[in-house]
N, C-alpha and C. Protein backbone atom coordinates (compact mmCIF):
# COMPACT_ATOMS: atom_id res chain seq x y z
N LYS A 1 -156.62 70.05 45.86
CA LYS A 1 -155.72 70.78 45.75
C LYS A 1 -154.40 70.86 47.70
N LYS A 2 -153.49 71.33 46.91
CA LYS A 2 -152.02 70.62 48.67
C LYS A 2 -152.21 71.80 49.41
N SER A 3 -152.30 71.02 50.00
CA SER A 3 -152.10 72.22 51.92
C SER A 3 -151.07 72.65 51.57
N GLU A 4 -150.99 73.72 53.19
CA GLU A 4 -149.50 74.48 52.86
C GLU A 4 -148.60 73.99 53.22
N GLN A 5 -148.59 73.27 54.05
CA GLN A 5 -147.17 72.38 54.73
C GLN A 5 -146.71 71.66 53.43
N GLU A 6 -147.63 70.61 52.44
CA GLU A 6 -146.87 69.89 51.96
C GLU A 6 -146.63 70.92 50.57
N LEU A 7 -147.03 71.96 50.42
CA LEU A 7 -146.34 72.83 49.23
C LEU A 7 -144.81 73.31 49.80
N LYS A 8 -144.81 73.36 51.29
CA LYS A 8 -143.72 73.72 51.71
C LYS A 8 -142.37 72.97 51.67
N ASP A 9 -143.16 71.70 52.30
CA ASP A 9 -142.31 70.22 51.75
C ASP A 9 -141.47 70.36 50.52
N GLU A 10 -142.75 70.34 49.89
CA GLU A 10 -142.53 70.19 48.13
C GLU A 10 -141.32 71.60 48.21
N GLU A 11 -141.19 72.26 48.12
CA GLU A 11 -140.81 73.86 47.93
C GLU A 11 -139.40 73.14 48.80
N MET A 12 -139.21 72.68 49.72
CA MET A 12 -137.69 72.26 50.67
C MET A 12 -137.10 71.21 49.58
N GLU A 13 -137.53 70.34 49.35
CA GLU A 13 -137.28 69.09 48.40
C GLU A 13 -137.11 69.96 47.51
N LEU A 14 -137.25 70.44 46.51
CA LEU A 14 -136.77 70.98 45.27
C LEU A 14 -136.13 71.71 45.55
N PHE A 15 -135.68 72.60 46.72
CA PHE A 15 -134.38 73.26 46.89
C PHE A 15 -133.15 72.82 47.06
N THR A 16 -133.61 71.83 47.79
CA THR A 16 -131.95 70.81 48.42
C THR A 16 -131.66 70.03 47.22
N LYS A 17 -132.58 69.51 46.56
CA LYS A 17 -132.58 68.90 45.01
C LYS A 17 -131.31 69.47 44.34
N TYR A 18 -132.04 70.86 43.79
CA TYR A 18 -131.11 72.26 42.72
C TYR A 18 -129.76 72.61 43.60
N TYR A 19 -129.73 72.58 45.24
CA TYR A 19 -129.00 73.15 45.86
C TYR A 19 -127.77 72.03 45.51
N MET A 20 -127.88 71.12 46.07
CA MET A 20 -126.58 69.45 45.98
C MET A 20 -126.34 69.41 44.69
N GLU A 21 -127.04 69.61 43.22
CA GLU A 21 -126.61 69.46 41.77
C GLU A 21 -125.78 70.76 41.60
N TRP A 22 -126.25 71.95 42.14
CA TRP A 22 -125.83 73.41 41.94
C TRP A 22 -123.95 72.85 42.79
N LYS A 23 -124.40 72.79 43.79
CA LYS A 23 -122.99 72.01 44.56
C LYS A 23 -121.97 70.82 44.15
N GLY A 24 -122.43 70.40 43.34
CA GLY A 24 -121.52 68.94 42.97
C GLY A 24 -121.87 68.20 43.77
N GLY A 25 -122.82 67.52 44.98
CA GLY A 25 -122.94 66.04 45.00
C GLY A 25 -123.54 66.19 46.15
N LYS A 26 -123.82 65.58 47.12
CA LYS A 26 -123.69 65.06 48.56
C LYS A 26 -122.89 65.24 49.45
N LYS A 27 -123.69 65.77 50.75
CA LYS A 27 -121.58 66.06 51.39
C LYS A 27 -120.74 64.60 51.39
N SER A 28 -121.70 63.59 51.77
CA SER A 28 -120.66 62.46 52.18
C SER A 28 -119.62 62.35 50.52
N ASP A 29 -119.58 62.57 49.60
CA ASP A 29 -119.08 62.59 48.13
C ASP A 29 -117.76 63.52 48.46
N ASN A 30 -117.60 64.19 49.24
CA ASN A 30 -116.32 65.30 49.01
C ASN A 30 -115.49 64.69 50.06
N ILE A 31 -114.33 64.56 49.34
CA ILE A 31 -113.25 64.12 50.25
C ILE A 31 -112.41 64.59 51.34
N SER A 32 -112.71 65.73 50.43
CA SER A 32 -111.77 67.37 52.22
C SER A 32 -112.80 66.89 53.61
N TYR A 33 -113.84 66.35 53.69
CA TYR A 33 -114.29 65.81 55.44
C TYR A 33 -113.75 64.56 55.68
N ALA A 34 -112.81 64.28 55.03
CA ALA A 34 -112.09 63.61 55.57
C ALA A 34 -111.35 63.74 56.37
N ASN A 35 -111.14 64.31 55.99
CA ASN A 35 -109.53 65.24 56.34
C ASN A 35 -109.78 66.29 57.51
N ILE A 36 -110.34 66.44 58.25
CA ILE A 36 -110.49 67.65 58.74
C ILE A 36 -110.41 66.93 60.57
N PRO A 37 -109.95 66.96 61.38
CA PRO A 37 -109.20 66.14 62.53
C PRO A 37 -110.28 65.91 63.73
N ARG A 38 -110.75 65.12 64.05
CA ARG A 38 -111.30 65.13 65.14
C ARG A 38 -111.52 65.47 66.64
N PHE A 39 -111.83 66.80 67.10
CA PHE A 39 -111.74 67.47 68.01
C PHE A 39 -112.23 67.27 69.49
N TYR A 40 -113.18 66.58 69.18
CA TYR A 40 -114.22 66.65 70.56
C TYR A 40 -114.35 64.53 70.68
N TYR A 41 -114.02 64.45 72.04
CA TYR A 41 -113.92 63.37 72.32
C TYR A 41 -115.01 63.31 73.89
N ARG A 42 -116.45 62.28 73.71
CA ARG A 42 -116.43 62.22 74.60
C ARG A 42 -115.96 61.90 75.97
N LEU A 43 -116.26 62.52 77.36
CA LEU A 43 -115.79 62.20 78.40
C LEU A 43 -116.67 60.66 78.82
N PRO A 44 -115.50 59.73 79.18
CA PRO A 44 -116.07 58.16 79.65
C PRO A 44 -117.44 58.06 80.62
N ALA A 45 -118.61 57.22 80.35
CA ALA A 45 -118.91 57.11 81.78
C ALA A 45 -119.05 56.42 82.79
N GLU A 46 -119.44 56.50 83.49
CA GLU A 46 -119.01 55.79 84.83
C GLU A 46 -119.15 54.42 84.84
N ASP A 47 -119.49 53.94 84.30
CA ASP A 47 -119.36 51.93 83.68
C ASP A 47 -118.76 52.00 83.30
N GLU A 48 -117.58 52.52 82.26
CA GLU A 48 -116.28 52.65 81.64
C GLU A 48 -115.38 52.85 81.90
N ILE A 49 -115.38 51.70 83.04
CA ILE A 49 -113.99 51.97 83.93
C ILE A 49 -112.44 52.23 83.58
N LEU A 50 -112.15 51.29 82.43
CA LEU A 50 -111.21 51.32 81.89
C LEU A 50 -111.05 52.58 81.51
N LEU A 51 -111.54 53.23 80.56
CA LEU A 51 -111.38 54.29 79.88
C LEU A 51 -111.66 55.22 80.57
N GLN A 52 -111.99 55.60 82.35
CA GLN A 52 -111.66 56.23 82.98
C GLN A 52 -110.06 56.14 83.61
N LYS A 53 -109.69 55.52 84.25
CA LYS A 53 -108.36 54.39 84.27
C LYS A 53 -107.64 55.20 83.12
N LEU A 54 -107.32 54.91 82.07
CA LEU A 54 -106.96 55.84 81.10
C LEU A 54 -107.12 56.91 80.76
N ARG A 55 -107.91 57.61 80.79
CA ARG A 55 -107.87 59.39 81.19
C ARG A 55 -107.34 59.80 82.01
N GLU A 56 -107.24 58.89 83.34
CA GLU A 56 -106.67 59.42 84.31
C GLU A 56 -105.32 59.39 84.51
N GLU A 57 -104.57 58.06 83.93
CA GLU A 57 -103.62 57.98 83.65
C GLU A 57 -102.24 58.86 82.49
N SER A 58 -103.17 59.31 81.35
CA SER A 58 -102.53 59.99 80.45
C SER A 58 -103.13 61.80 81.03
N ARG A 59 -103.65 61.90 81.76
CA ARG A 59 -103.58 62.96 82.35
C ARG A 59 -102.36 63.09 83.93
N ALA A 60 -102.49 62.38 84.43
CA ALA A 60 -101.08 62.21 85.17
C ALA A 60 -100.07 62.01 84.41
N VAL A 61 -99.80 61.59 83.34
CA VAL A 61 -98.91 61.95 82.86
C VAL A 61 -98.45 63.07 82.22
N PHE A 62 -98.87 64.02 81.45
CA PHE A 62 -99.21 65.21 81.23
C PHE A 62 -99.02 66.42 82.09
N LEU A 63 -99.38 65.93 82.85
CA LEU A 63 -99.02 66.96 84.30
C LEU A 63 -97.40 66.37 85.25
N GLN A 64 -96.66 65.83 84.80
CA GLN A 64 -95.85 64.97 85.29
C GLN A 64 -94.97 65.65 84.17
N ARG A 65 -95.40 65.26 82.28
CA ARG A 65 -94.34 66.58 81.63
C ARG A 65 -93.93 68.05 81.74
N LYS A 66 -95.05 68.30 82.60
CA LYS A 66 -95.40 69.58 82.36
C LYS A 66 -94.52 70.11 84.06
N SER A 67 -94.65 69.38 84.43
CA SER A 67 -93.95 69.64 85.76
C SER A 67 -92.34 69.49 85.39
N ARG A 68 -91.71 68.52 84.88
CA ARG A 68 -90.35 68.31 84.61
C ARG A 68 -89.91 69.94 83.99
N GLU A 69 -90.69 70.99 83.42
CA GLU A 69 -90.20 71.77 82.14
C GLU A 69 -90.75 73.22 83.27
N LEU A 70 -90.80 72.97 84.66
CA LEU A 70 -90.91 73.59 85.30
C LEU A 70 -89.24 74.31 85.72
N LEU A 71 -89.03 75.44 86.52
CA LEU A 71 -88.30 75.57 86.91
C LEU A 71 -87.82 75.53 88.21
N ASP A 72 -86.93 74.98 88.71
CA ASP A 72 -86.55 74.15 90.35
C ASP A 72 -86.10 75.87 91.14
N ASN A 73 -86.52 74.96 92.28
CA ASN A 73 -85.68 76.55 93.28
C ASN A 73 -84.33 77.04 93.20
N GLU A 74 -83.20 75.94 92.31
CA GLU A 74 -82.00 76.14 92.45
C GLU A 74 -82.02 76.66 91.12
N GLU A 75 -82.20 76.30 90.45
CA GLU A 75 -82.70 77.10 88.11
C GLU A 75 -82.93 78.67 88.65
N LEU A 76 -84.19 78.57 89.62
CA LEU A 76 -84.48 80.35 89.46
C LEU A 76 -83.13 80.94 90.82
N GLN A 77 -82.60 80.94 91.75
CA GLN A 77 -81.51 81.12 92.25
C GLN A 77 -80.16 81.41 91.10
N ASN A 78 -80.00 80.38 90.23
CA ASN A 78 -78.73 80.35 89.32
C ASN A 78 -79.33 81.73 88.05
N LEU A 79 -80.38 81.64 87.60
CA LEU A 79 -80.71 82.42 86.99
C LEU A 79 -80.95 83.49 87.60
N TRP A 80 -81.06 83.85 88.86
CA TRP A 80 -81.33 85.45 89.48
C TRP A 80 -80.00 85.74 89.49
N PHE A 81 -78.78 85.08 90.42
CA PHE A 81 -77.56 85.35 90.09
C PHE A 81 -76.94 85.41 88.82
N LEU A 82 -77.21 85.17 88.22
CA LEU A 82 -76.92 85.25 85.66
C LEU A 82 -77.02 86.61 86.01
N LEU A 83 -79.03 87.01 86.29
CA LEU A 83 -79.09 88.50 86.03
C LEU A 83 -78.04 89.37 86.35
N ASP A 84 -78.18 88.64 87.81
CA ASP A 84 -77.76 90.00 88.58
C ASP A 84 -76.35 90.61 87.75
N LYS A 85 -75.23 89.24 87.75
CA LYS A 85 -73.87 89.17 87.34
C LYS A 85 -73.98 90.00 85.54
N HIS A 86 -75.20 89.90 85.35
CA HIS A 86 -74.60 90.47 83.60
C HIS A 86 -75.80 91.86 83.36
N GLN A 87 -76.23 92.37 84.27
CA GLN A 87 -76.47 93.74 84.58
C GLN A 87 -76.13 95.26 83.92
N THR A 88 -76.82 95.30 83.43
CA THR A 88 -76.18 97.25 82.20
C THR A 88 -76.09 97.72 83.08
N SER A 89 -75.04 98.78 83.40
CA SER A 89 -75.18 100.38 84.10
C SER A 89 -75.93 101.09 83.14
N PRO A 90 -76.08 102.61 83.62
CA PRO A 90 -76.03 102.94 84.95
C PRO A 90 -77.87 101.83 85.46
N MET A 91 -78.28 102.03 86.82
CA MET A 91 -79.11 101.12 86.97
C MET A 91 -80.50 102.57 87.43
N ILE A 92 -81.74 103.09 87.33
CA ILE A 92 -82.71 103.92 87.86
C ILE A 92 -83.17 102.97 88.97
N GLY A 93 -82.62 104.48 89.94
CA GLY A 93 -83.18 104.05 91.24
C GLY A 93 -82.38 102.99 91.56
N GLU A 94 -83.16 101.91 92.47
CA GLU A 94 -82.62 100.79 92.81
C GLU A 94 -83.05 99.61 92.09
N GLU A 95 -83.32 99.48 90.67
CA GLU A 95 -83.57 99.39 89.62
C GLU A 95 -82.76 98.34 88.82
N ALA A 96 -82.15 97.19 88.61
CA ALA A 96 -81.19 97.22 87.73
C ALA A 96 -82.12 96.66 86.49
N MET A 97 -81.23 96.58 85.52
CA MET A 97 -81.37 96.46 83.93
C MET A 97 -80.46 95.88 83.01
N ILE A 98 -80.52 95.25 82.17
CA ILE A 98 -79.86 94.69 81.59
C ILE A 98 -80.48 95.00 79.61
N ASN A 99 -79.52 95.03 79.32
CA ASN A 99 -79.46 95.24 77.65
C ASN A 99 -79.50 93.93 77.54
N TYR A 100 -79.78 94.22 75.14
CA TYR A 100 -79.76 92.58 74.62
C TYR A 100 -78.70 91.87 74.69
N GLU A 101 -78.38 92.86 74.30
CA GLU A 101 -76.72 91.67 74.72
C GLU A 101 -76.66 91.08 75.54
N ASN A 102 -76.37 91.60 76.60
CA ASN A 102 -76.30 90.56 77.63
C ASN A 102 -77.06 89.88 78.24
N PHE A 103 -78.80 90.14 77.67
CA PHE A 103 -79.94 89.37 78.14
C PHE A 103 -80.02 87.79 77.28
N LEU A 104 -79.18 87.94 75.79
CA LEU A 104 -78.55 86.20 75.19
C LEU A 104 -77.34 86.03 75.91
N LYS A 105 -76.38 86.91 76.60
CA LYS A 105 -75.37 85.54 76.97
C LYS A 105 -75.88 85.48 78.42
N VAL A 106 -77.04 85.68 79.24
CA VAL A 106 -77.99 85.07 80.36
C VAL A 106 -78.24 84.04 79.53
N GLY A 107 -79.18 84.17 78.44
CA GLY A 107 -79.95 83.14 77.90
C GLY A 107 -78.99 81.61 77.59
N GLU A 108 -77.54 82.05 77.31
CA GLU A 108 -76.89 80.91 76.95
C GLU A 108 -76.37 80.33 78.03
N LYS A 109 -76.19 81.05 79.61
CA LYS A 109 -75.30 80.48 80.23
C LYS A 109 -76.64 79.36 81.06
N ALA A 110 -78.11 80.01 81.00
CA ALA A 110 -79.08 79.30 81.96
C ALA A 110 -79.14 78.61 81.86
N GLY A 111 -79.08 77.57 80.91
CA GLY A 111 -79.69 76.26 80.64
C GLY A 111 -80.73 76.57 79.81
N PRO A 112 -80.95 74.78 79.24
CA PRO A 112 -82.07 74.38 78.50
C PRO A 112 -83.53 74.64 79.00
N LYS A 113 -83.72 74.38 79.92
CA LYS A 113 -85.01 75.27 80.57
C LYS A 113 -85.00 76.15 80.67
N CYS A 114 -83.83 77.00 80.96
CA CYS A 114 -84.64 78.48 80.59
C CYS A 114 -84.64 79.24 79.26
N ARG A 115 -84.17 78.39 78.13
CA ARG A 115 -84.07 79.54 77.02
C ARG A 115 -84.88 79.62 76.23
N GLN A 116 -86.24 78.90 77.18
CA GLN A 116 -87.97 79.52 76.26
C GLN A 116 -88.04 80.89 76.51
N PHE A 117 -87.19 81.15 77.73
CA PHE A 117 -87.04 82.33 78.07
C PHE A 117 -86.82 83.72 77.26
N PHE A 118 -85.69 83.70 76.66
CA PHE A 118 -84.64 84.49 76.22
C PHE A 118 -85.00 84.36 74.47
N THR A 119 -85.81 85.50 74.32
CA THR A 119 -86.11 85.10 72.68
C THR A 119 -86.38 86.70 72.73
N ALA A 120 -86.39 87.53 71.39
CA ALA A 120 -86.40 88.56 71.62
C ALA A 120 -88.11 88.99 71.39
N LYS A 121 -88.74 88.63 71.39
CA LYS A 121 -89.86 88.89 71.58
C LYS A 121 -90.28 89.39 72.98
N ILE A 122 -89.89 87.98 74.02
CA ILE A 122 -90.15 88.59 75.03
C ILE A 122 -89.70 89.98 75.80
N PHE A 123 -88.47 89.86 74.92
CA PHE A 123 -87.34 91.87 75.85
C PHE A 123 -88.01 92.81 75.33
N ALA A 124 -88.57 92.69 73.69
CA ALA A 124 -89.65 93.22 73.66
C ALA A 124 -90.55 93.81 74.28
N LYS A 125 -91.58 92.76 74.63
CA LYS A 125 -92.38 93.41 75.00
C LYS A 125 -92.86 93.27 76.96
N LEU A 126 -91.16 93.05 77.23
CA LEU A 126 -90.52 93.77 78.58
C LEU A 126 -89.62 95.26 78.33
N LEU A 127 -90.16 95.68 77.21
CA LEU A 127 -88.81 96.95 77.09
C LEU A 127 -89.94 98.11 77.51
N HIS A 128 -90.35 99.26 78.30
CA HIS A 128 -90.37 100.38 78.47
C HIS A 128 -89.60 101.53 77.85
N ASN A 129 -89.74 102.44 77.91
CA ASN A 129 -89.35 104.09 78.05
C ASN A 129 -87.64 103.93 78.22
N ASP A 130 -87.10 102.75 78.00
CA ASP A 130 -85.36 103.33 78.76
C ASP A 130 -85.16 104.03 77.44
N PRO A 131 -83.68 104.84 78.11
CA PRO A 131 -83.09 105.32 77.29
C PRO A 131 -82.37 104.41 76.59
N TYR A 132 -81.84 103.82 77.13
CA TYR A 132 -80.87 103.23 76.59
C TYR A 132 -81.27 101.68 76.19
N GLY A 133 -82.67 100.91 76.23
CA GLY A 133 -82.92 99.85 74.94
C GLY A 133 -82.86 98.78 76.10
N ARG A 134 -82.99 98.61 77.67
CA ARG A 134 -82.82 97.85 78.80
C ARG A 134 -84.25 97.23 79.43
N ILE A 135 -84.11 96.33 79.52
CA ILE A 135 -85.38 95.35 80.83
C ILE A 135 -85.29 95.83 81.85
N SER A 136 -86.00 95.62 82.99
CA SER A 136 -85.53 95.47 84.54
C SER A 136 -85.29 93.98 84.27
N ILE A 137 -84.19 93.99 85.71
CA ILE A 137 -83.97 92.21 85.65
C ILE A 137 -85.43 91.87 86.26
N MET A 138 -85.83 92.91 86.99
CA MET A 138 -86.94 92.50 88.79
C MET A 138 -88.11 91.82 87.45
N GLN A 139 -88.15 92.74 86.35
CA GLN A 139 -89.86 92.51 86.12
C GLN A 139 -89.78 91.04 84.36
N PHE A 140 -88.09 91.05 84.22
CA PHE A 140 -88.09 89.85 83.46
C PHE A 140 -88.34 88.99 84.91
N PHE A 141 -87.23 88.86 85.89
CA PHE A 141 -87.24 87.18 87.29
C PHE A 141 -88.51 87.09 87.02
N ASN A 142 -89.51 88.38 87.26
CA ASN A 142 -91.23 87.87 87.82
C ASN A 142 -91.81 87.37 86.51
N TYR A 143 -91.42 88.04 85.15
CA TYR A 143 -92.23 86.98 84.07
C TYR A 143 -91.91 85.46 84.35
N VAL A 144 -90.49 85.29 84.25
CA VAL A 144 -90.14 84.03 84.27
C VAL A 144 -91.24 83.40 85.44
N MET A 145 -91.03 83.62 86.25
CA MET A 145 -91.80 83.65 87.61
C MET A 145 -92.97 82.91 87.46
N ARG A 146 -93.75 83.58 87.05
CA ARG A 146 -95.01 83.67 85.85
C ARG A 146 -95.69 82.76 85.05
N LYS A 147 -94.75 82.63 84.05
CA LYS A 147 -95.04 81.99 83.15
C LYS A 147 -94.24 80.60 83.37
N GLY A 148 -93.13 80.45 84.05
CA GLY A 148 -92.40 79.34 83.88
C GLY A 148 -92.87 77.91 84.90
């Protein structure tokens, strides 16, 4: 007689065999596995100096590129000036507002770095119960400061 463990092993072996036949072959035979992109790369060990230097350099280049995308102080001042110049009346208390048409005009004049912020999606996100369909200039500027 076979022991209980031997029976379980035999059962698992048969299950695997029949499952693989039903599935249509082994995993390695499936071509689609070759098309899955690699998404994890291990960190270099302490003794892999060249790989560590490469990682540091690529991180520095990435941060420099992201830094160039940020708006500098002069660009932010220009954006505020354009928003203030194109505000849409009436004001709500002290709050300056802008409608979508003027919002798009400012987007054209603000420059290439600012263009990403002048979308219908962002306008709609900042649109709150204004009867004239406008957004607050201050809220939009604060959004740009946080995201940019």
